[in-house]
Amino acid sequence: KKHVDSLVHLQAEDSDLVAKMMLKVPEIAAANGLSHGFKTQINTGKGGGQEVFHLHIHILGRPA
């Protein structure tokens, strides 16, 4: 595990981490009943609405 504050703190060597995170999104969405679609959101920095300073992805949608 590696702590990354936000998107702007990613390094080239973090590409595998980001890929794993993005590939996990559809799995989490499906497990939460979002089979008709969903959207993702990554807040970056205080100006971007980030309140929790570790890189994370919001998965937004309504169960079918």
PDB file of N, CA and C in Angstrom:
ATOM      1  N   LYS A   1       0.842  -1.181   0.000  1.00  0.00           N
ATOM      2  CA  LYS A   1       0.000   0.000   0.000  1.00  0.00           C
ATOM      3  C   LYS A   1       0.880   1.234   0.000  1.00  0.00           C
ATOM      4  N   LYS A   2       0.415   2.224  -0.739  1.00  0.00           N
ATOM      5  CA  LYS A   2       1.150   3.475  -0.829  1.00  0.00           C
ATOM      6  C   LYS A   2       0.171   4.624  -0.662  1.00  0.00           C
ATOM      7  N   HIS A   3       0.521   5.579   0.167  1.00  0.00           N
ATOM      8  CA  HIS A   3      -0.335   6.755   0.337  1.00  0.00           C
ATOM      9  C   HIS A   3      -0.044   7.753  -0.782  1.00  0.00           C
ATOM     10  N   VAL A   4      -1.104   8.202  -1.450  1.00  0.00           N
ATOM     11  CA  VAL A   4      -1.015   9.254  -2.457  1.00  0.00           C
ATOM     12  C   VAL A   4      -2.085  10.282  -2.098  1.00  0.00           C
ATOM     13  N   ASP A   5      -1.686  11.529  -1.900  1.00  0.00           N
ATOM     14  CA  ASP A   5      -2.634  12.571  -1.486  1.00  0.00           C
ATOM     15  C   ASP A   5      -3.728  12.826  -2.524  1.00  0.00           C
ATOM     16  N   SER A   6      -3.347  12.946  -3.796  1.00  0.00           N
ATOM     17  CA  SER A   6      -4.317  13.268  -4.843  1.00  0.00           C
ATOM     18  C   SER A   6      -3.718  12.963  -6.215  1.00  0.00           C
ATOM     19  N   LEU A   7      -4.500  13.211  -7.255  1.00  0.00           N
ATOM     20  CA  LEU A   7      -4.026  12.968  -8.617  1.00  0.00           C
ATOM     21  C   LEU A   7      -2.726  13.713  -8.921  1.00  0.00           C
ATOM     22  N   VAL A   8      -2.594  14.933  -8.428  1.00  0.00           N
ATOM     23  CA  VAL A   8      -1.398  15.714  -8.745  1.00  0.00           C
ATOM     24  C   VAL A   8      -0.142  15.162  -8.079  1.00  0.00           C
ATOM     25  N   HIS A   9      -0.308  14.242  -7.145  1.00  0.00           N
ATOM     26  CA  HIS A   9       0.839  13.652  -6.464  1.00  0.00           C
ATOM     27  C   HIS A   9       1.269  12.313  -7.062  1.00  0.00           C
ATOM     28  N   LEU A  10       0.571  11.865  -8.101  1.00  0.00           N
ATOM     29  CA  LEU A  10       0.950  10.605  -8.734  1.00  0.00           C
ATOM     30  C   LEU A  10       2.278  10.750  -9.474  1.00  0.00           C
ATOM     31  N   GLN A  11       3.026   9.666  -9.477  1.00  0.00           N
ATOM     32  CA  GLN A  11       4.295   9.592 -10.196  1.00  0.00           C
ATOM     33  C   GLN A  11       4.158   8.547 -11.293  1.00  0.00           C
ATOM     34  N   ALA A  12       5.054   8.555 -12.245  1.00  0.00           N
ATOM     35  CA  ALA A  12       5.025   7.575 -13.333  1.00  0.00           C
ATOM     36  C   ALA A  12       5.021   6.147 -12.792  1.00  0.00           C
ATOM     37  N   GLU A  13       5.722   5.913 -11.706  1.00  0.00           N
ATOM     38  CA  GLU A  13       5.787   4.558 -11.142  1.00  0.00           C
ATOM     39  C   GLU A  13       4.479   4.127 -10.480  1.00  0.00           C
ATOM     40  N   ASP A  14       3.493   5.024 -10.392  1.00  0.00           N
ATOM     41  CA  ASP A  14       2.196   4.696  -9.822  1.00  0.00           C
ATOM     42  C   ASP A  14       1.197   4.190 -10.871  1.00  0.00           C
ATOM     43  N   SER A  15       1.642   3.987 -12.091  1.00  0.00           N
ATOM     44  CA  SER A  15       0.712   3.604 -13.158  1.00  0.00           C
ATOM     45  C   SER A  15       0.002   2.285 -12.869  1.00  0.00           C
ATOM     46  N   ASP A  16       0.689   1.311 -12.298  1.00  0.00           N
ATOM     47  CA  ASP A  16       0.034   0.042 -11.951  1.00  0.00           C
ATOM     48  C   ASP A  16      -1.034   0.247 -10.868  1.00  0.00           C
ATOM     49  N   LEU A  17      -0.754   1.099  -9.905  1.00  0.00           N
ATOM     50  CA  LEU A  17      -1.710   1.394  -8.842  1.00  0.00           C
ATOM     51  C   LEU A  17      -2.982   2.017  -9.423  1.00  0.00           C
ATOM     52  N   VAL A  18      -2.814   3.012 -10.284  1.00  0.00           N
ATOM     53  CA  VAL A  18      -3.969   3.684 -10.885  1.00  0.00           C
ATOM     54  C   VAL A  18      -4.765   2.716 -11.752  1.00  0.00           C
ATOM     55  N   ALA A  19      -4.069   1.881 -12.504  1.00  0.00           N
ATOM     56  CA  ALA A  19      -4.756   0.886 -13.335  1.00  0.00           C
ATOM     57  C   ALA A  19      -5.578  -0.062 -12.468  1.00  0.00           C
ATOM     58  N   LYS A  20      -5.020  -0.531 -11.371  1.00  0.00           N
ATOM     59  CA  LYS A  20      -5.755  -1.430 -10.474  1.00  0.00           C
ATOM     60  C   LYS A  20      -6.984  -0.742  -9.895  1.00  0.00           C
ATOM     61  N   MET A  21      -6.833   0.534  -9.522  1.00  0.00           N
ATOM     62  CA  MET A  21      -7.969   1.277  -8.976  1.00  0.00           C
ATOM     63  C   MET A  21      -9.082   1.396 -10.011  1.00  0.00           C
ATOM     64  N   MET A  22      -8.734   1.771 -11.223  1.00  0.00           N
ATOM     65  CA  MET A  22      -9.738   1.967 -12.260  1.00  0.00           C
ATOM     66  C   MET A  22     -10.401   0.650 -12.663  1.00  0.00           C
ATOM     67  N   LEU A  23      -9.643  -0.417 -12.707  1.00  0.00           N
ATOM     68  CA  LEU A  23     -10.208  -1.716 -13.056  1.00  0.00           C
ATOM     69  C   LEU A  23     -11.126  -2.256 -11.960  1.00  0.00           C
ATOM     70  N   LYS A  24     -10.947  -1.806 -10.747  1.00  0.00           N
ATOM     71  CA  LYS A  24     -11.786  -2.230  -9.629  1.00  0.00           C
ATOM     72  C   LYS A  24     -13.146  -1.519  -9.640  1.00  0.00           C
ATOM     73  N   VAL A  25     -13.212  -0.330 -10.251  1.00  0.00           N
ATOM     74  CA  VAL A  25     -14.447   0.466 -10.248  1.00  0.00           C
ATOM     75  C   VAL A  25     -15.647  -0.301 -10.796  1.00  0.00           C
ATOM     76  N   PRO A  26     -15.594  -0.904 -11.988  1.00  0.00           N
ATOM     77  CA  PRO A  26     -16.772  -1.626 -12.489  1.00  0.00           C
ATOM     78  C   PRO A  26     -17.191  -2.783 -11.579  1.00  0.00           C
ATOM     79  N   GLU A  27     -16.226  -3.430 -10.966  1.00  0.00           N
ATOM     80  CA  GLU A  27     -16.529  -4.535 -10.044  1.00  0.00           C
ATOM     81  C   GLU A  27     -17.311  -4.011  -8.833  1.00  0.00           C
ATOM     82  N   ILE A  28     -16.867  -2.919  -8.268  1.00  0.00           N
ATOM     83  CA  ILE A  28     -17.554  -2.331  -7.120  1.00  0.00           C
ATOM     84  C   ILE A  28     -18.939  -1.828  -7.533  1.00  0.00           C
ATOM     85  N   ALA A  29     -19.013  -1.190  -8.694  1.00  0.00           N
ATOM     86  CA  ALA A  29     -20.303  -0.694  -9.183  1.00  0.00           C
ATOM     87  C   ALA A  29     -21.298  -1.838  -9.354  1.00  0.00           C
ATOM     88  N   ALA A  30     -20.876  -2.923  -9.980  1.00  0.00           N
ATOM     89  CA  ALA A  30     -21.757  -4.075 -10.185  1.00  0.00           C
ATOM     90  C   ALA A  30     -22.207  -4.663  -8.858  1.00  0.00           C
ATOM     91  N   ALA A  31     -21.298  -4.752  -7.902  1.00  0.00           N
ATOM     92  CA  ALA A  31     -21.633  -5.302  -6.588  1.00  0.00           C
ATOM     93  C   ALA A  31     -22.649  -4.440  -5.846  1.00  0.00           C
ATOM     94  N   ASN A  32     -22.781  -3.189  -6.277  1.00  0.00           N
ATOM     95  CA  ASN A  32     -23.721  -2.270  -5.644  1.00  0.00           C
ATOM     96  C   ASN A  32     -24.937  -1.991  -6.513  1.00  0.00           C
ATOM     97  N   GLY A  33     -25.190  -2.865  -7.491  1.00  0.00           N
ATOM     98  CA  GLY A  33     -26.404  -2.790  -8.286  1.00  0.00           C
ATOM     99  C   GLY A  33     -26.426  -1.721  -9.361  1.00  0.00           C
ATOM    100  N   LEU A  34     -25.275  -1.249  -9.775  1.00  0.00           N
ATOM    101  CA  LEU A  34     -25.225  -0.191 -10.777  1.00  0.00           C
ATOM    102  C   LEU A  34     -25.035  -0.755 -12.181  1.00  0.00           C
ATOM    103  N   SER A  35     -25.844  -1.742 -12.527  1.00  0.00           N
ATOM    104  CA  SER A  35     -25.698  -2.428 -13.817  1.00  0.00           C
ATOM    105  C   SER A  35     -26.122  -1.578 -15.006  1.00  0.00           C
ATOM    106  N   HIS A  36     -26.907  -0.519 -14.783  1.00  0.00           N
ATOM    107  CA  HIS A  36     -27.353   0.343 -15.872  1.00  0.00           C
ATOM    108  C   HIS A  36     -26.409   1.515 -16.120  1.00  0.00           C
ATOM    109  N   GLY A  37     -25.340   1.585 -15.368  1.00  0.00           N
ATOM    110  CA  GLY A  37     -24.364   2.648 -15.562  1.00  0.00           C
ATOM    111  C   GLY A  37     -24.058   3.399 -14.281  1.00  0.00           C
ATOM    112  N   PHE A  38     -23.002   4.144 -14.329  1.00  0.00           N
ATOM    113  CA  PHE A  38     -22.532   4.915 -13.186  1.00  0.00           C
ATOM    114  C   PHE A  38     -21.566   5.959 -13.696  1.00  0.00           C
ATOM    115  N   LYS A  39     -21.225   6.898 -12.844  1.00  0.00           N
ATOM    116  CA  LYS A  39     -20.171   7.839 -13.187  1.00  0.00           C
ATOM    117  C   LYS A  39     -19.145   7.856 -12.070  1.00  0.00           C
ATOM    118  N   THR A  40     -17.962   8.291 -12.396  1.00  0.00           N
ATOM    119  CA  THR A  40     -16.886   8.350 -11.419  1.00  0.00           C
ATOM    120  C   THR A  40     -16.480   9.802 -11.207  1.00  0.00           C
ATOM    121  N   GLN A  41     -15.944  10.046 -10.030  1.00  0.00           N
ATOM    122  CA  GLN A  41     -15.493  11.396  -9.701  1.00  0.00           C
ATOM    123  C   GLN A  41     -14.252  11.287  -8.837  1.00  0.00           C
ATOM    124  N   ILE A  42     -13.241  12.066  -9.184  1.00  0.00           N
ATOM    125  CA  ILE A  42     -12.036  12.158  -8.363  1.00  0.00           C
ATOM    126  C   ILE A  42     -11.824  13.635  -8.061  1.00  0.00           C
ATOM    127  N   ASN A  43     -12.060  14.029  -6.818  1.00  0.00           N
ATOM    128  CA  ASN A  43     -11.827  15.403  -6.408  1.00  0.00           C
ATOM    129  C   ASN A  43     -10.335  15.586  -6.158  1.00  0.00           C
ATOM    130  N   THR A  44      -9.781  16.698  -6.642  1.00  0.00           N
ATOM    131  CA  THR A  44      -8.345  16.923  -6.533  1.00  0.00           C
ATOM    132  C   THR A  44      -8.068  18.309  -5.961  1.00  0.00           C
ATOM    133  N   GLY A  45      -7.503  18.344  -4.776  1.00  0.00           N
ATOM    134  CA  GLY A  45      -7.170  19.604  -4.119  1.00  0.00           C
ATOM    135  C   GLY A  45      -8.390  20.270  -3.504  1.00  0.00           C
ATOM    136  N   LYS A  46      -8.135  21.201  -2.587  1.00  0.00           N
ATOM    137  CA  LYS A  46      -9.233  21.904  -1.919  1.00  0.00           C
ATOM    138  C   LYS A  46     -10.124  22.606  -2.921  1.00  0.00           C
ATOM    139  N   GLY A  47      -9.529  23.213  -3.951  1.00  0.00           N
ATOM    140  CA  GLY A  47     -10.300  23.902  -4.976  1.00  0.00           C
ATOM    141  C   GLY A  47     -11.153  22.972  -5.801  1.00  0.00           C
ATOM    142  N   GLY A  48     -10.791  21.703  -5.837  1.00  0.00           N
ATOM    143  CA  GLY A  48     -11.551  20.691  -6.563  1.00  0.00           C
ATOM    144  C   GLY A  48     -12.526  19.935  -5.685  1.00  0.00           C
ATOM    145  N   GLY A  49     -12.690  20.392  -4.449  1.00  0.00           N
ATOM    146  CA  GLY A  49     -13.646  19.762  -3.543  1.00  0.00           C
ATOM    147  C   GLY A  49     -13.107  18.610  -2.726  1.00  0.00           C
ATOM    148  N   GLN A  50     -11.805  18.378  -2.776  1.00  0.00           N
ATOM    149  CA  GLN A  50     -11.240  17.270  -2.005  1.00  0.00           C
ATOM    150  C   GLN A  50     -11.228  17.625  -0.528  1.00  0.00           C
ATOM    151  N   GLU A  51     -11.777  16.748   0.290  1.00  0.00           N
ATOM    152  CA  GLU A  51     -11.810  16.938   1.738  1.00  0.00           C
ATOM    153  C   GLU A  51     -11.003  15.884   2.474  1.00  0.00           C
ATOM    154  N   VAL A  52     -10.852  14.722   1.865  1.00  0.00           N
ATOM    155  CA  VAL A  52     -10.068  13.626   2.443  1.00  0.00           C
ATOM    156  C   VAL A  52      -8.834  13.475   1.562  1.00  0.00           C
ATOM    157  N   PHE A  53      -7.675  13.717   2.119  1.00  0.00           N
ATOM    158  CA  PHE A  53      -6.473  13.794   1.303  1.00  0.00           C
ATOM    159  C   PHE A  53      -5.742  12.466   1.179  1.00  0.00           C
ATOM    160  N   HIS A  54      -6.419  11.566   0.475  1.00  0.00           N
ATOM    161  CA  HIS A  54      -5.816  10.379  -0.095  1.00  0.00           C
ATOM    162  C   HIS A  54      -6.572  10.115  -1.387  1.00  0.00           C
ATOM    163  N   LEU A  55      -5.875   9.634  -2.376  1.00  0.00           N
ATOM    164  CA  LEU A  55      -6.484   9.407  -3.684  1.00  0.00           C
ATOM    165  C   LEU A  55      -7.581   8.355  -3.571  1.00  0.00           C
ATOM    166  N   HIS A  56      -8.779   8.721  -3.992  1.00  0.00           N
ATOM    167  CA  HIS A  56      -9.894   7.778  -3.989  1.00  0.00           C
ATOM    168  C   HIS A  56     -10.869   8.186  -5.080  1.00  0.00           C
ATOM    169  N   ILE A  57     -11.706   7.246  -5.457  1.00  0.00           N
ATOM    170  CA  ILE A  57     -12.654   7.429  -6.552  1.00  0.00           C
ATOM    171  C   ILE A  57     -14.064   7.300  -6.010  1.00  0.00           C
ATOM    172  N   HIS A  58     -14.898   8.278  -6.321  1.00  0.00           N
ATOM    173  CA  HIS A  58     -16.308   8.200  -5.979  1.00  0.00           C
ATOM    174  C   HIS A  58     -17.025   7.507  -7.143  1.00  0.00           C
ATOM    175  N   ILE A  59     -17.889   6.556  -6.827  1.00  0.00           N
ATOM    176  CA  ILE A  59     -18.701   5.856  -7.821  1.00  0.00           C
ATOM    177  C   ILE A  59     -20.142   6.274  -7.578  1.00  0.00           C
ATOM    178  N   LEU A  60     -20.728   6.952  -8.550  1.00  0.00           N
ATOM    179  CA  LEU A  60     -22.049   7.552  -8.384  1.00  0.00           C
ATOM    180  C   LEU A  60     -23.051   6.919  -9.333  1.00  0.00           C
ATOM    181  N   GLY A  61     -24.209   6.593  -8.809  1.00  0.00           N
ATOM    182  CA  GLY A  61     -25.264   6.019  -9.633  1.00  0.00           C
ATOM    183  C   GLY A  61     -26.415   5.576  -8.767  1.00  0.00           C
ATOM    184  N   ARG A  62     -27.438   5.076  -9.446  1.00  0.00           N
ATOM    185  CA  ARG A  62     -28.618   4.555  -8.753  1.00  0.00           C
ATOM    186  C   ARG A  62     -28.807   3.093  -9.130  1.00  0.00           C
ATOM    187  N   PRO A  63     -29.033   2.251  -8.138  1.00  0.00           N
ATOM    188  CA  PRO A  63     -29.258   0.828  -8.452  1.00  0.00           C
ATOM    189  C   PRO A  63     -30.455   0.663  -9.394  1.00  0.00           C
ATOM    190  N   ALA A  64     -30.341  -0.325 -10.250  1.00  0.00           N
ATOM    191  CA  ALA A  64     -31.422  -0.607 -11.224  1.00  0.00           C
ATOM    192  C   ALA A  64     -32.660  -1.118 -10.542  1.00  0.00           C
TER     193      ALA A  64
END
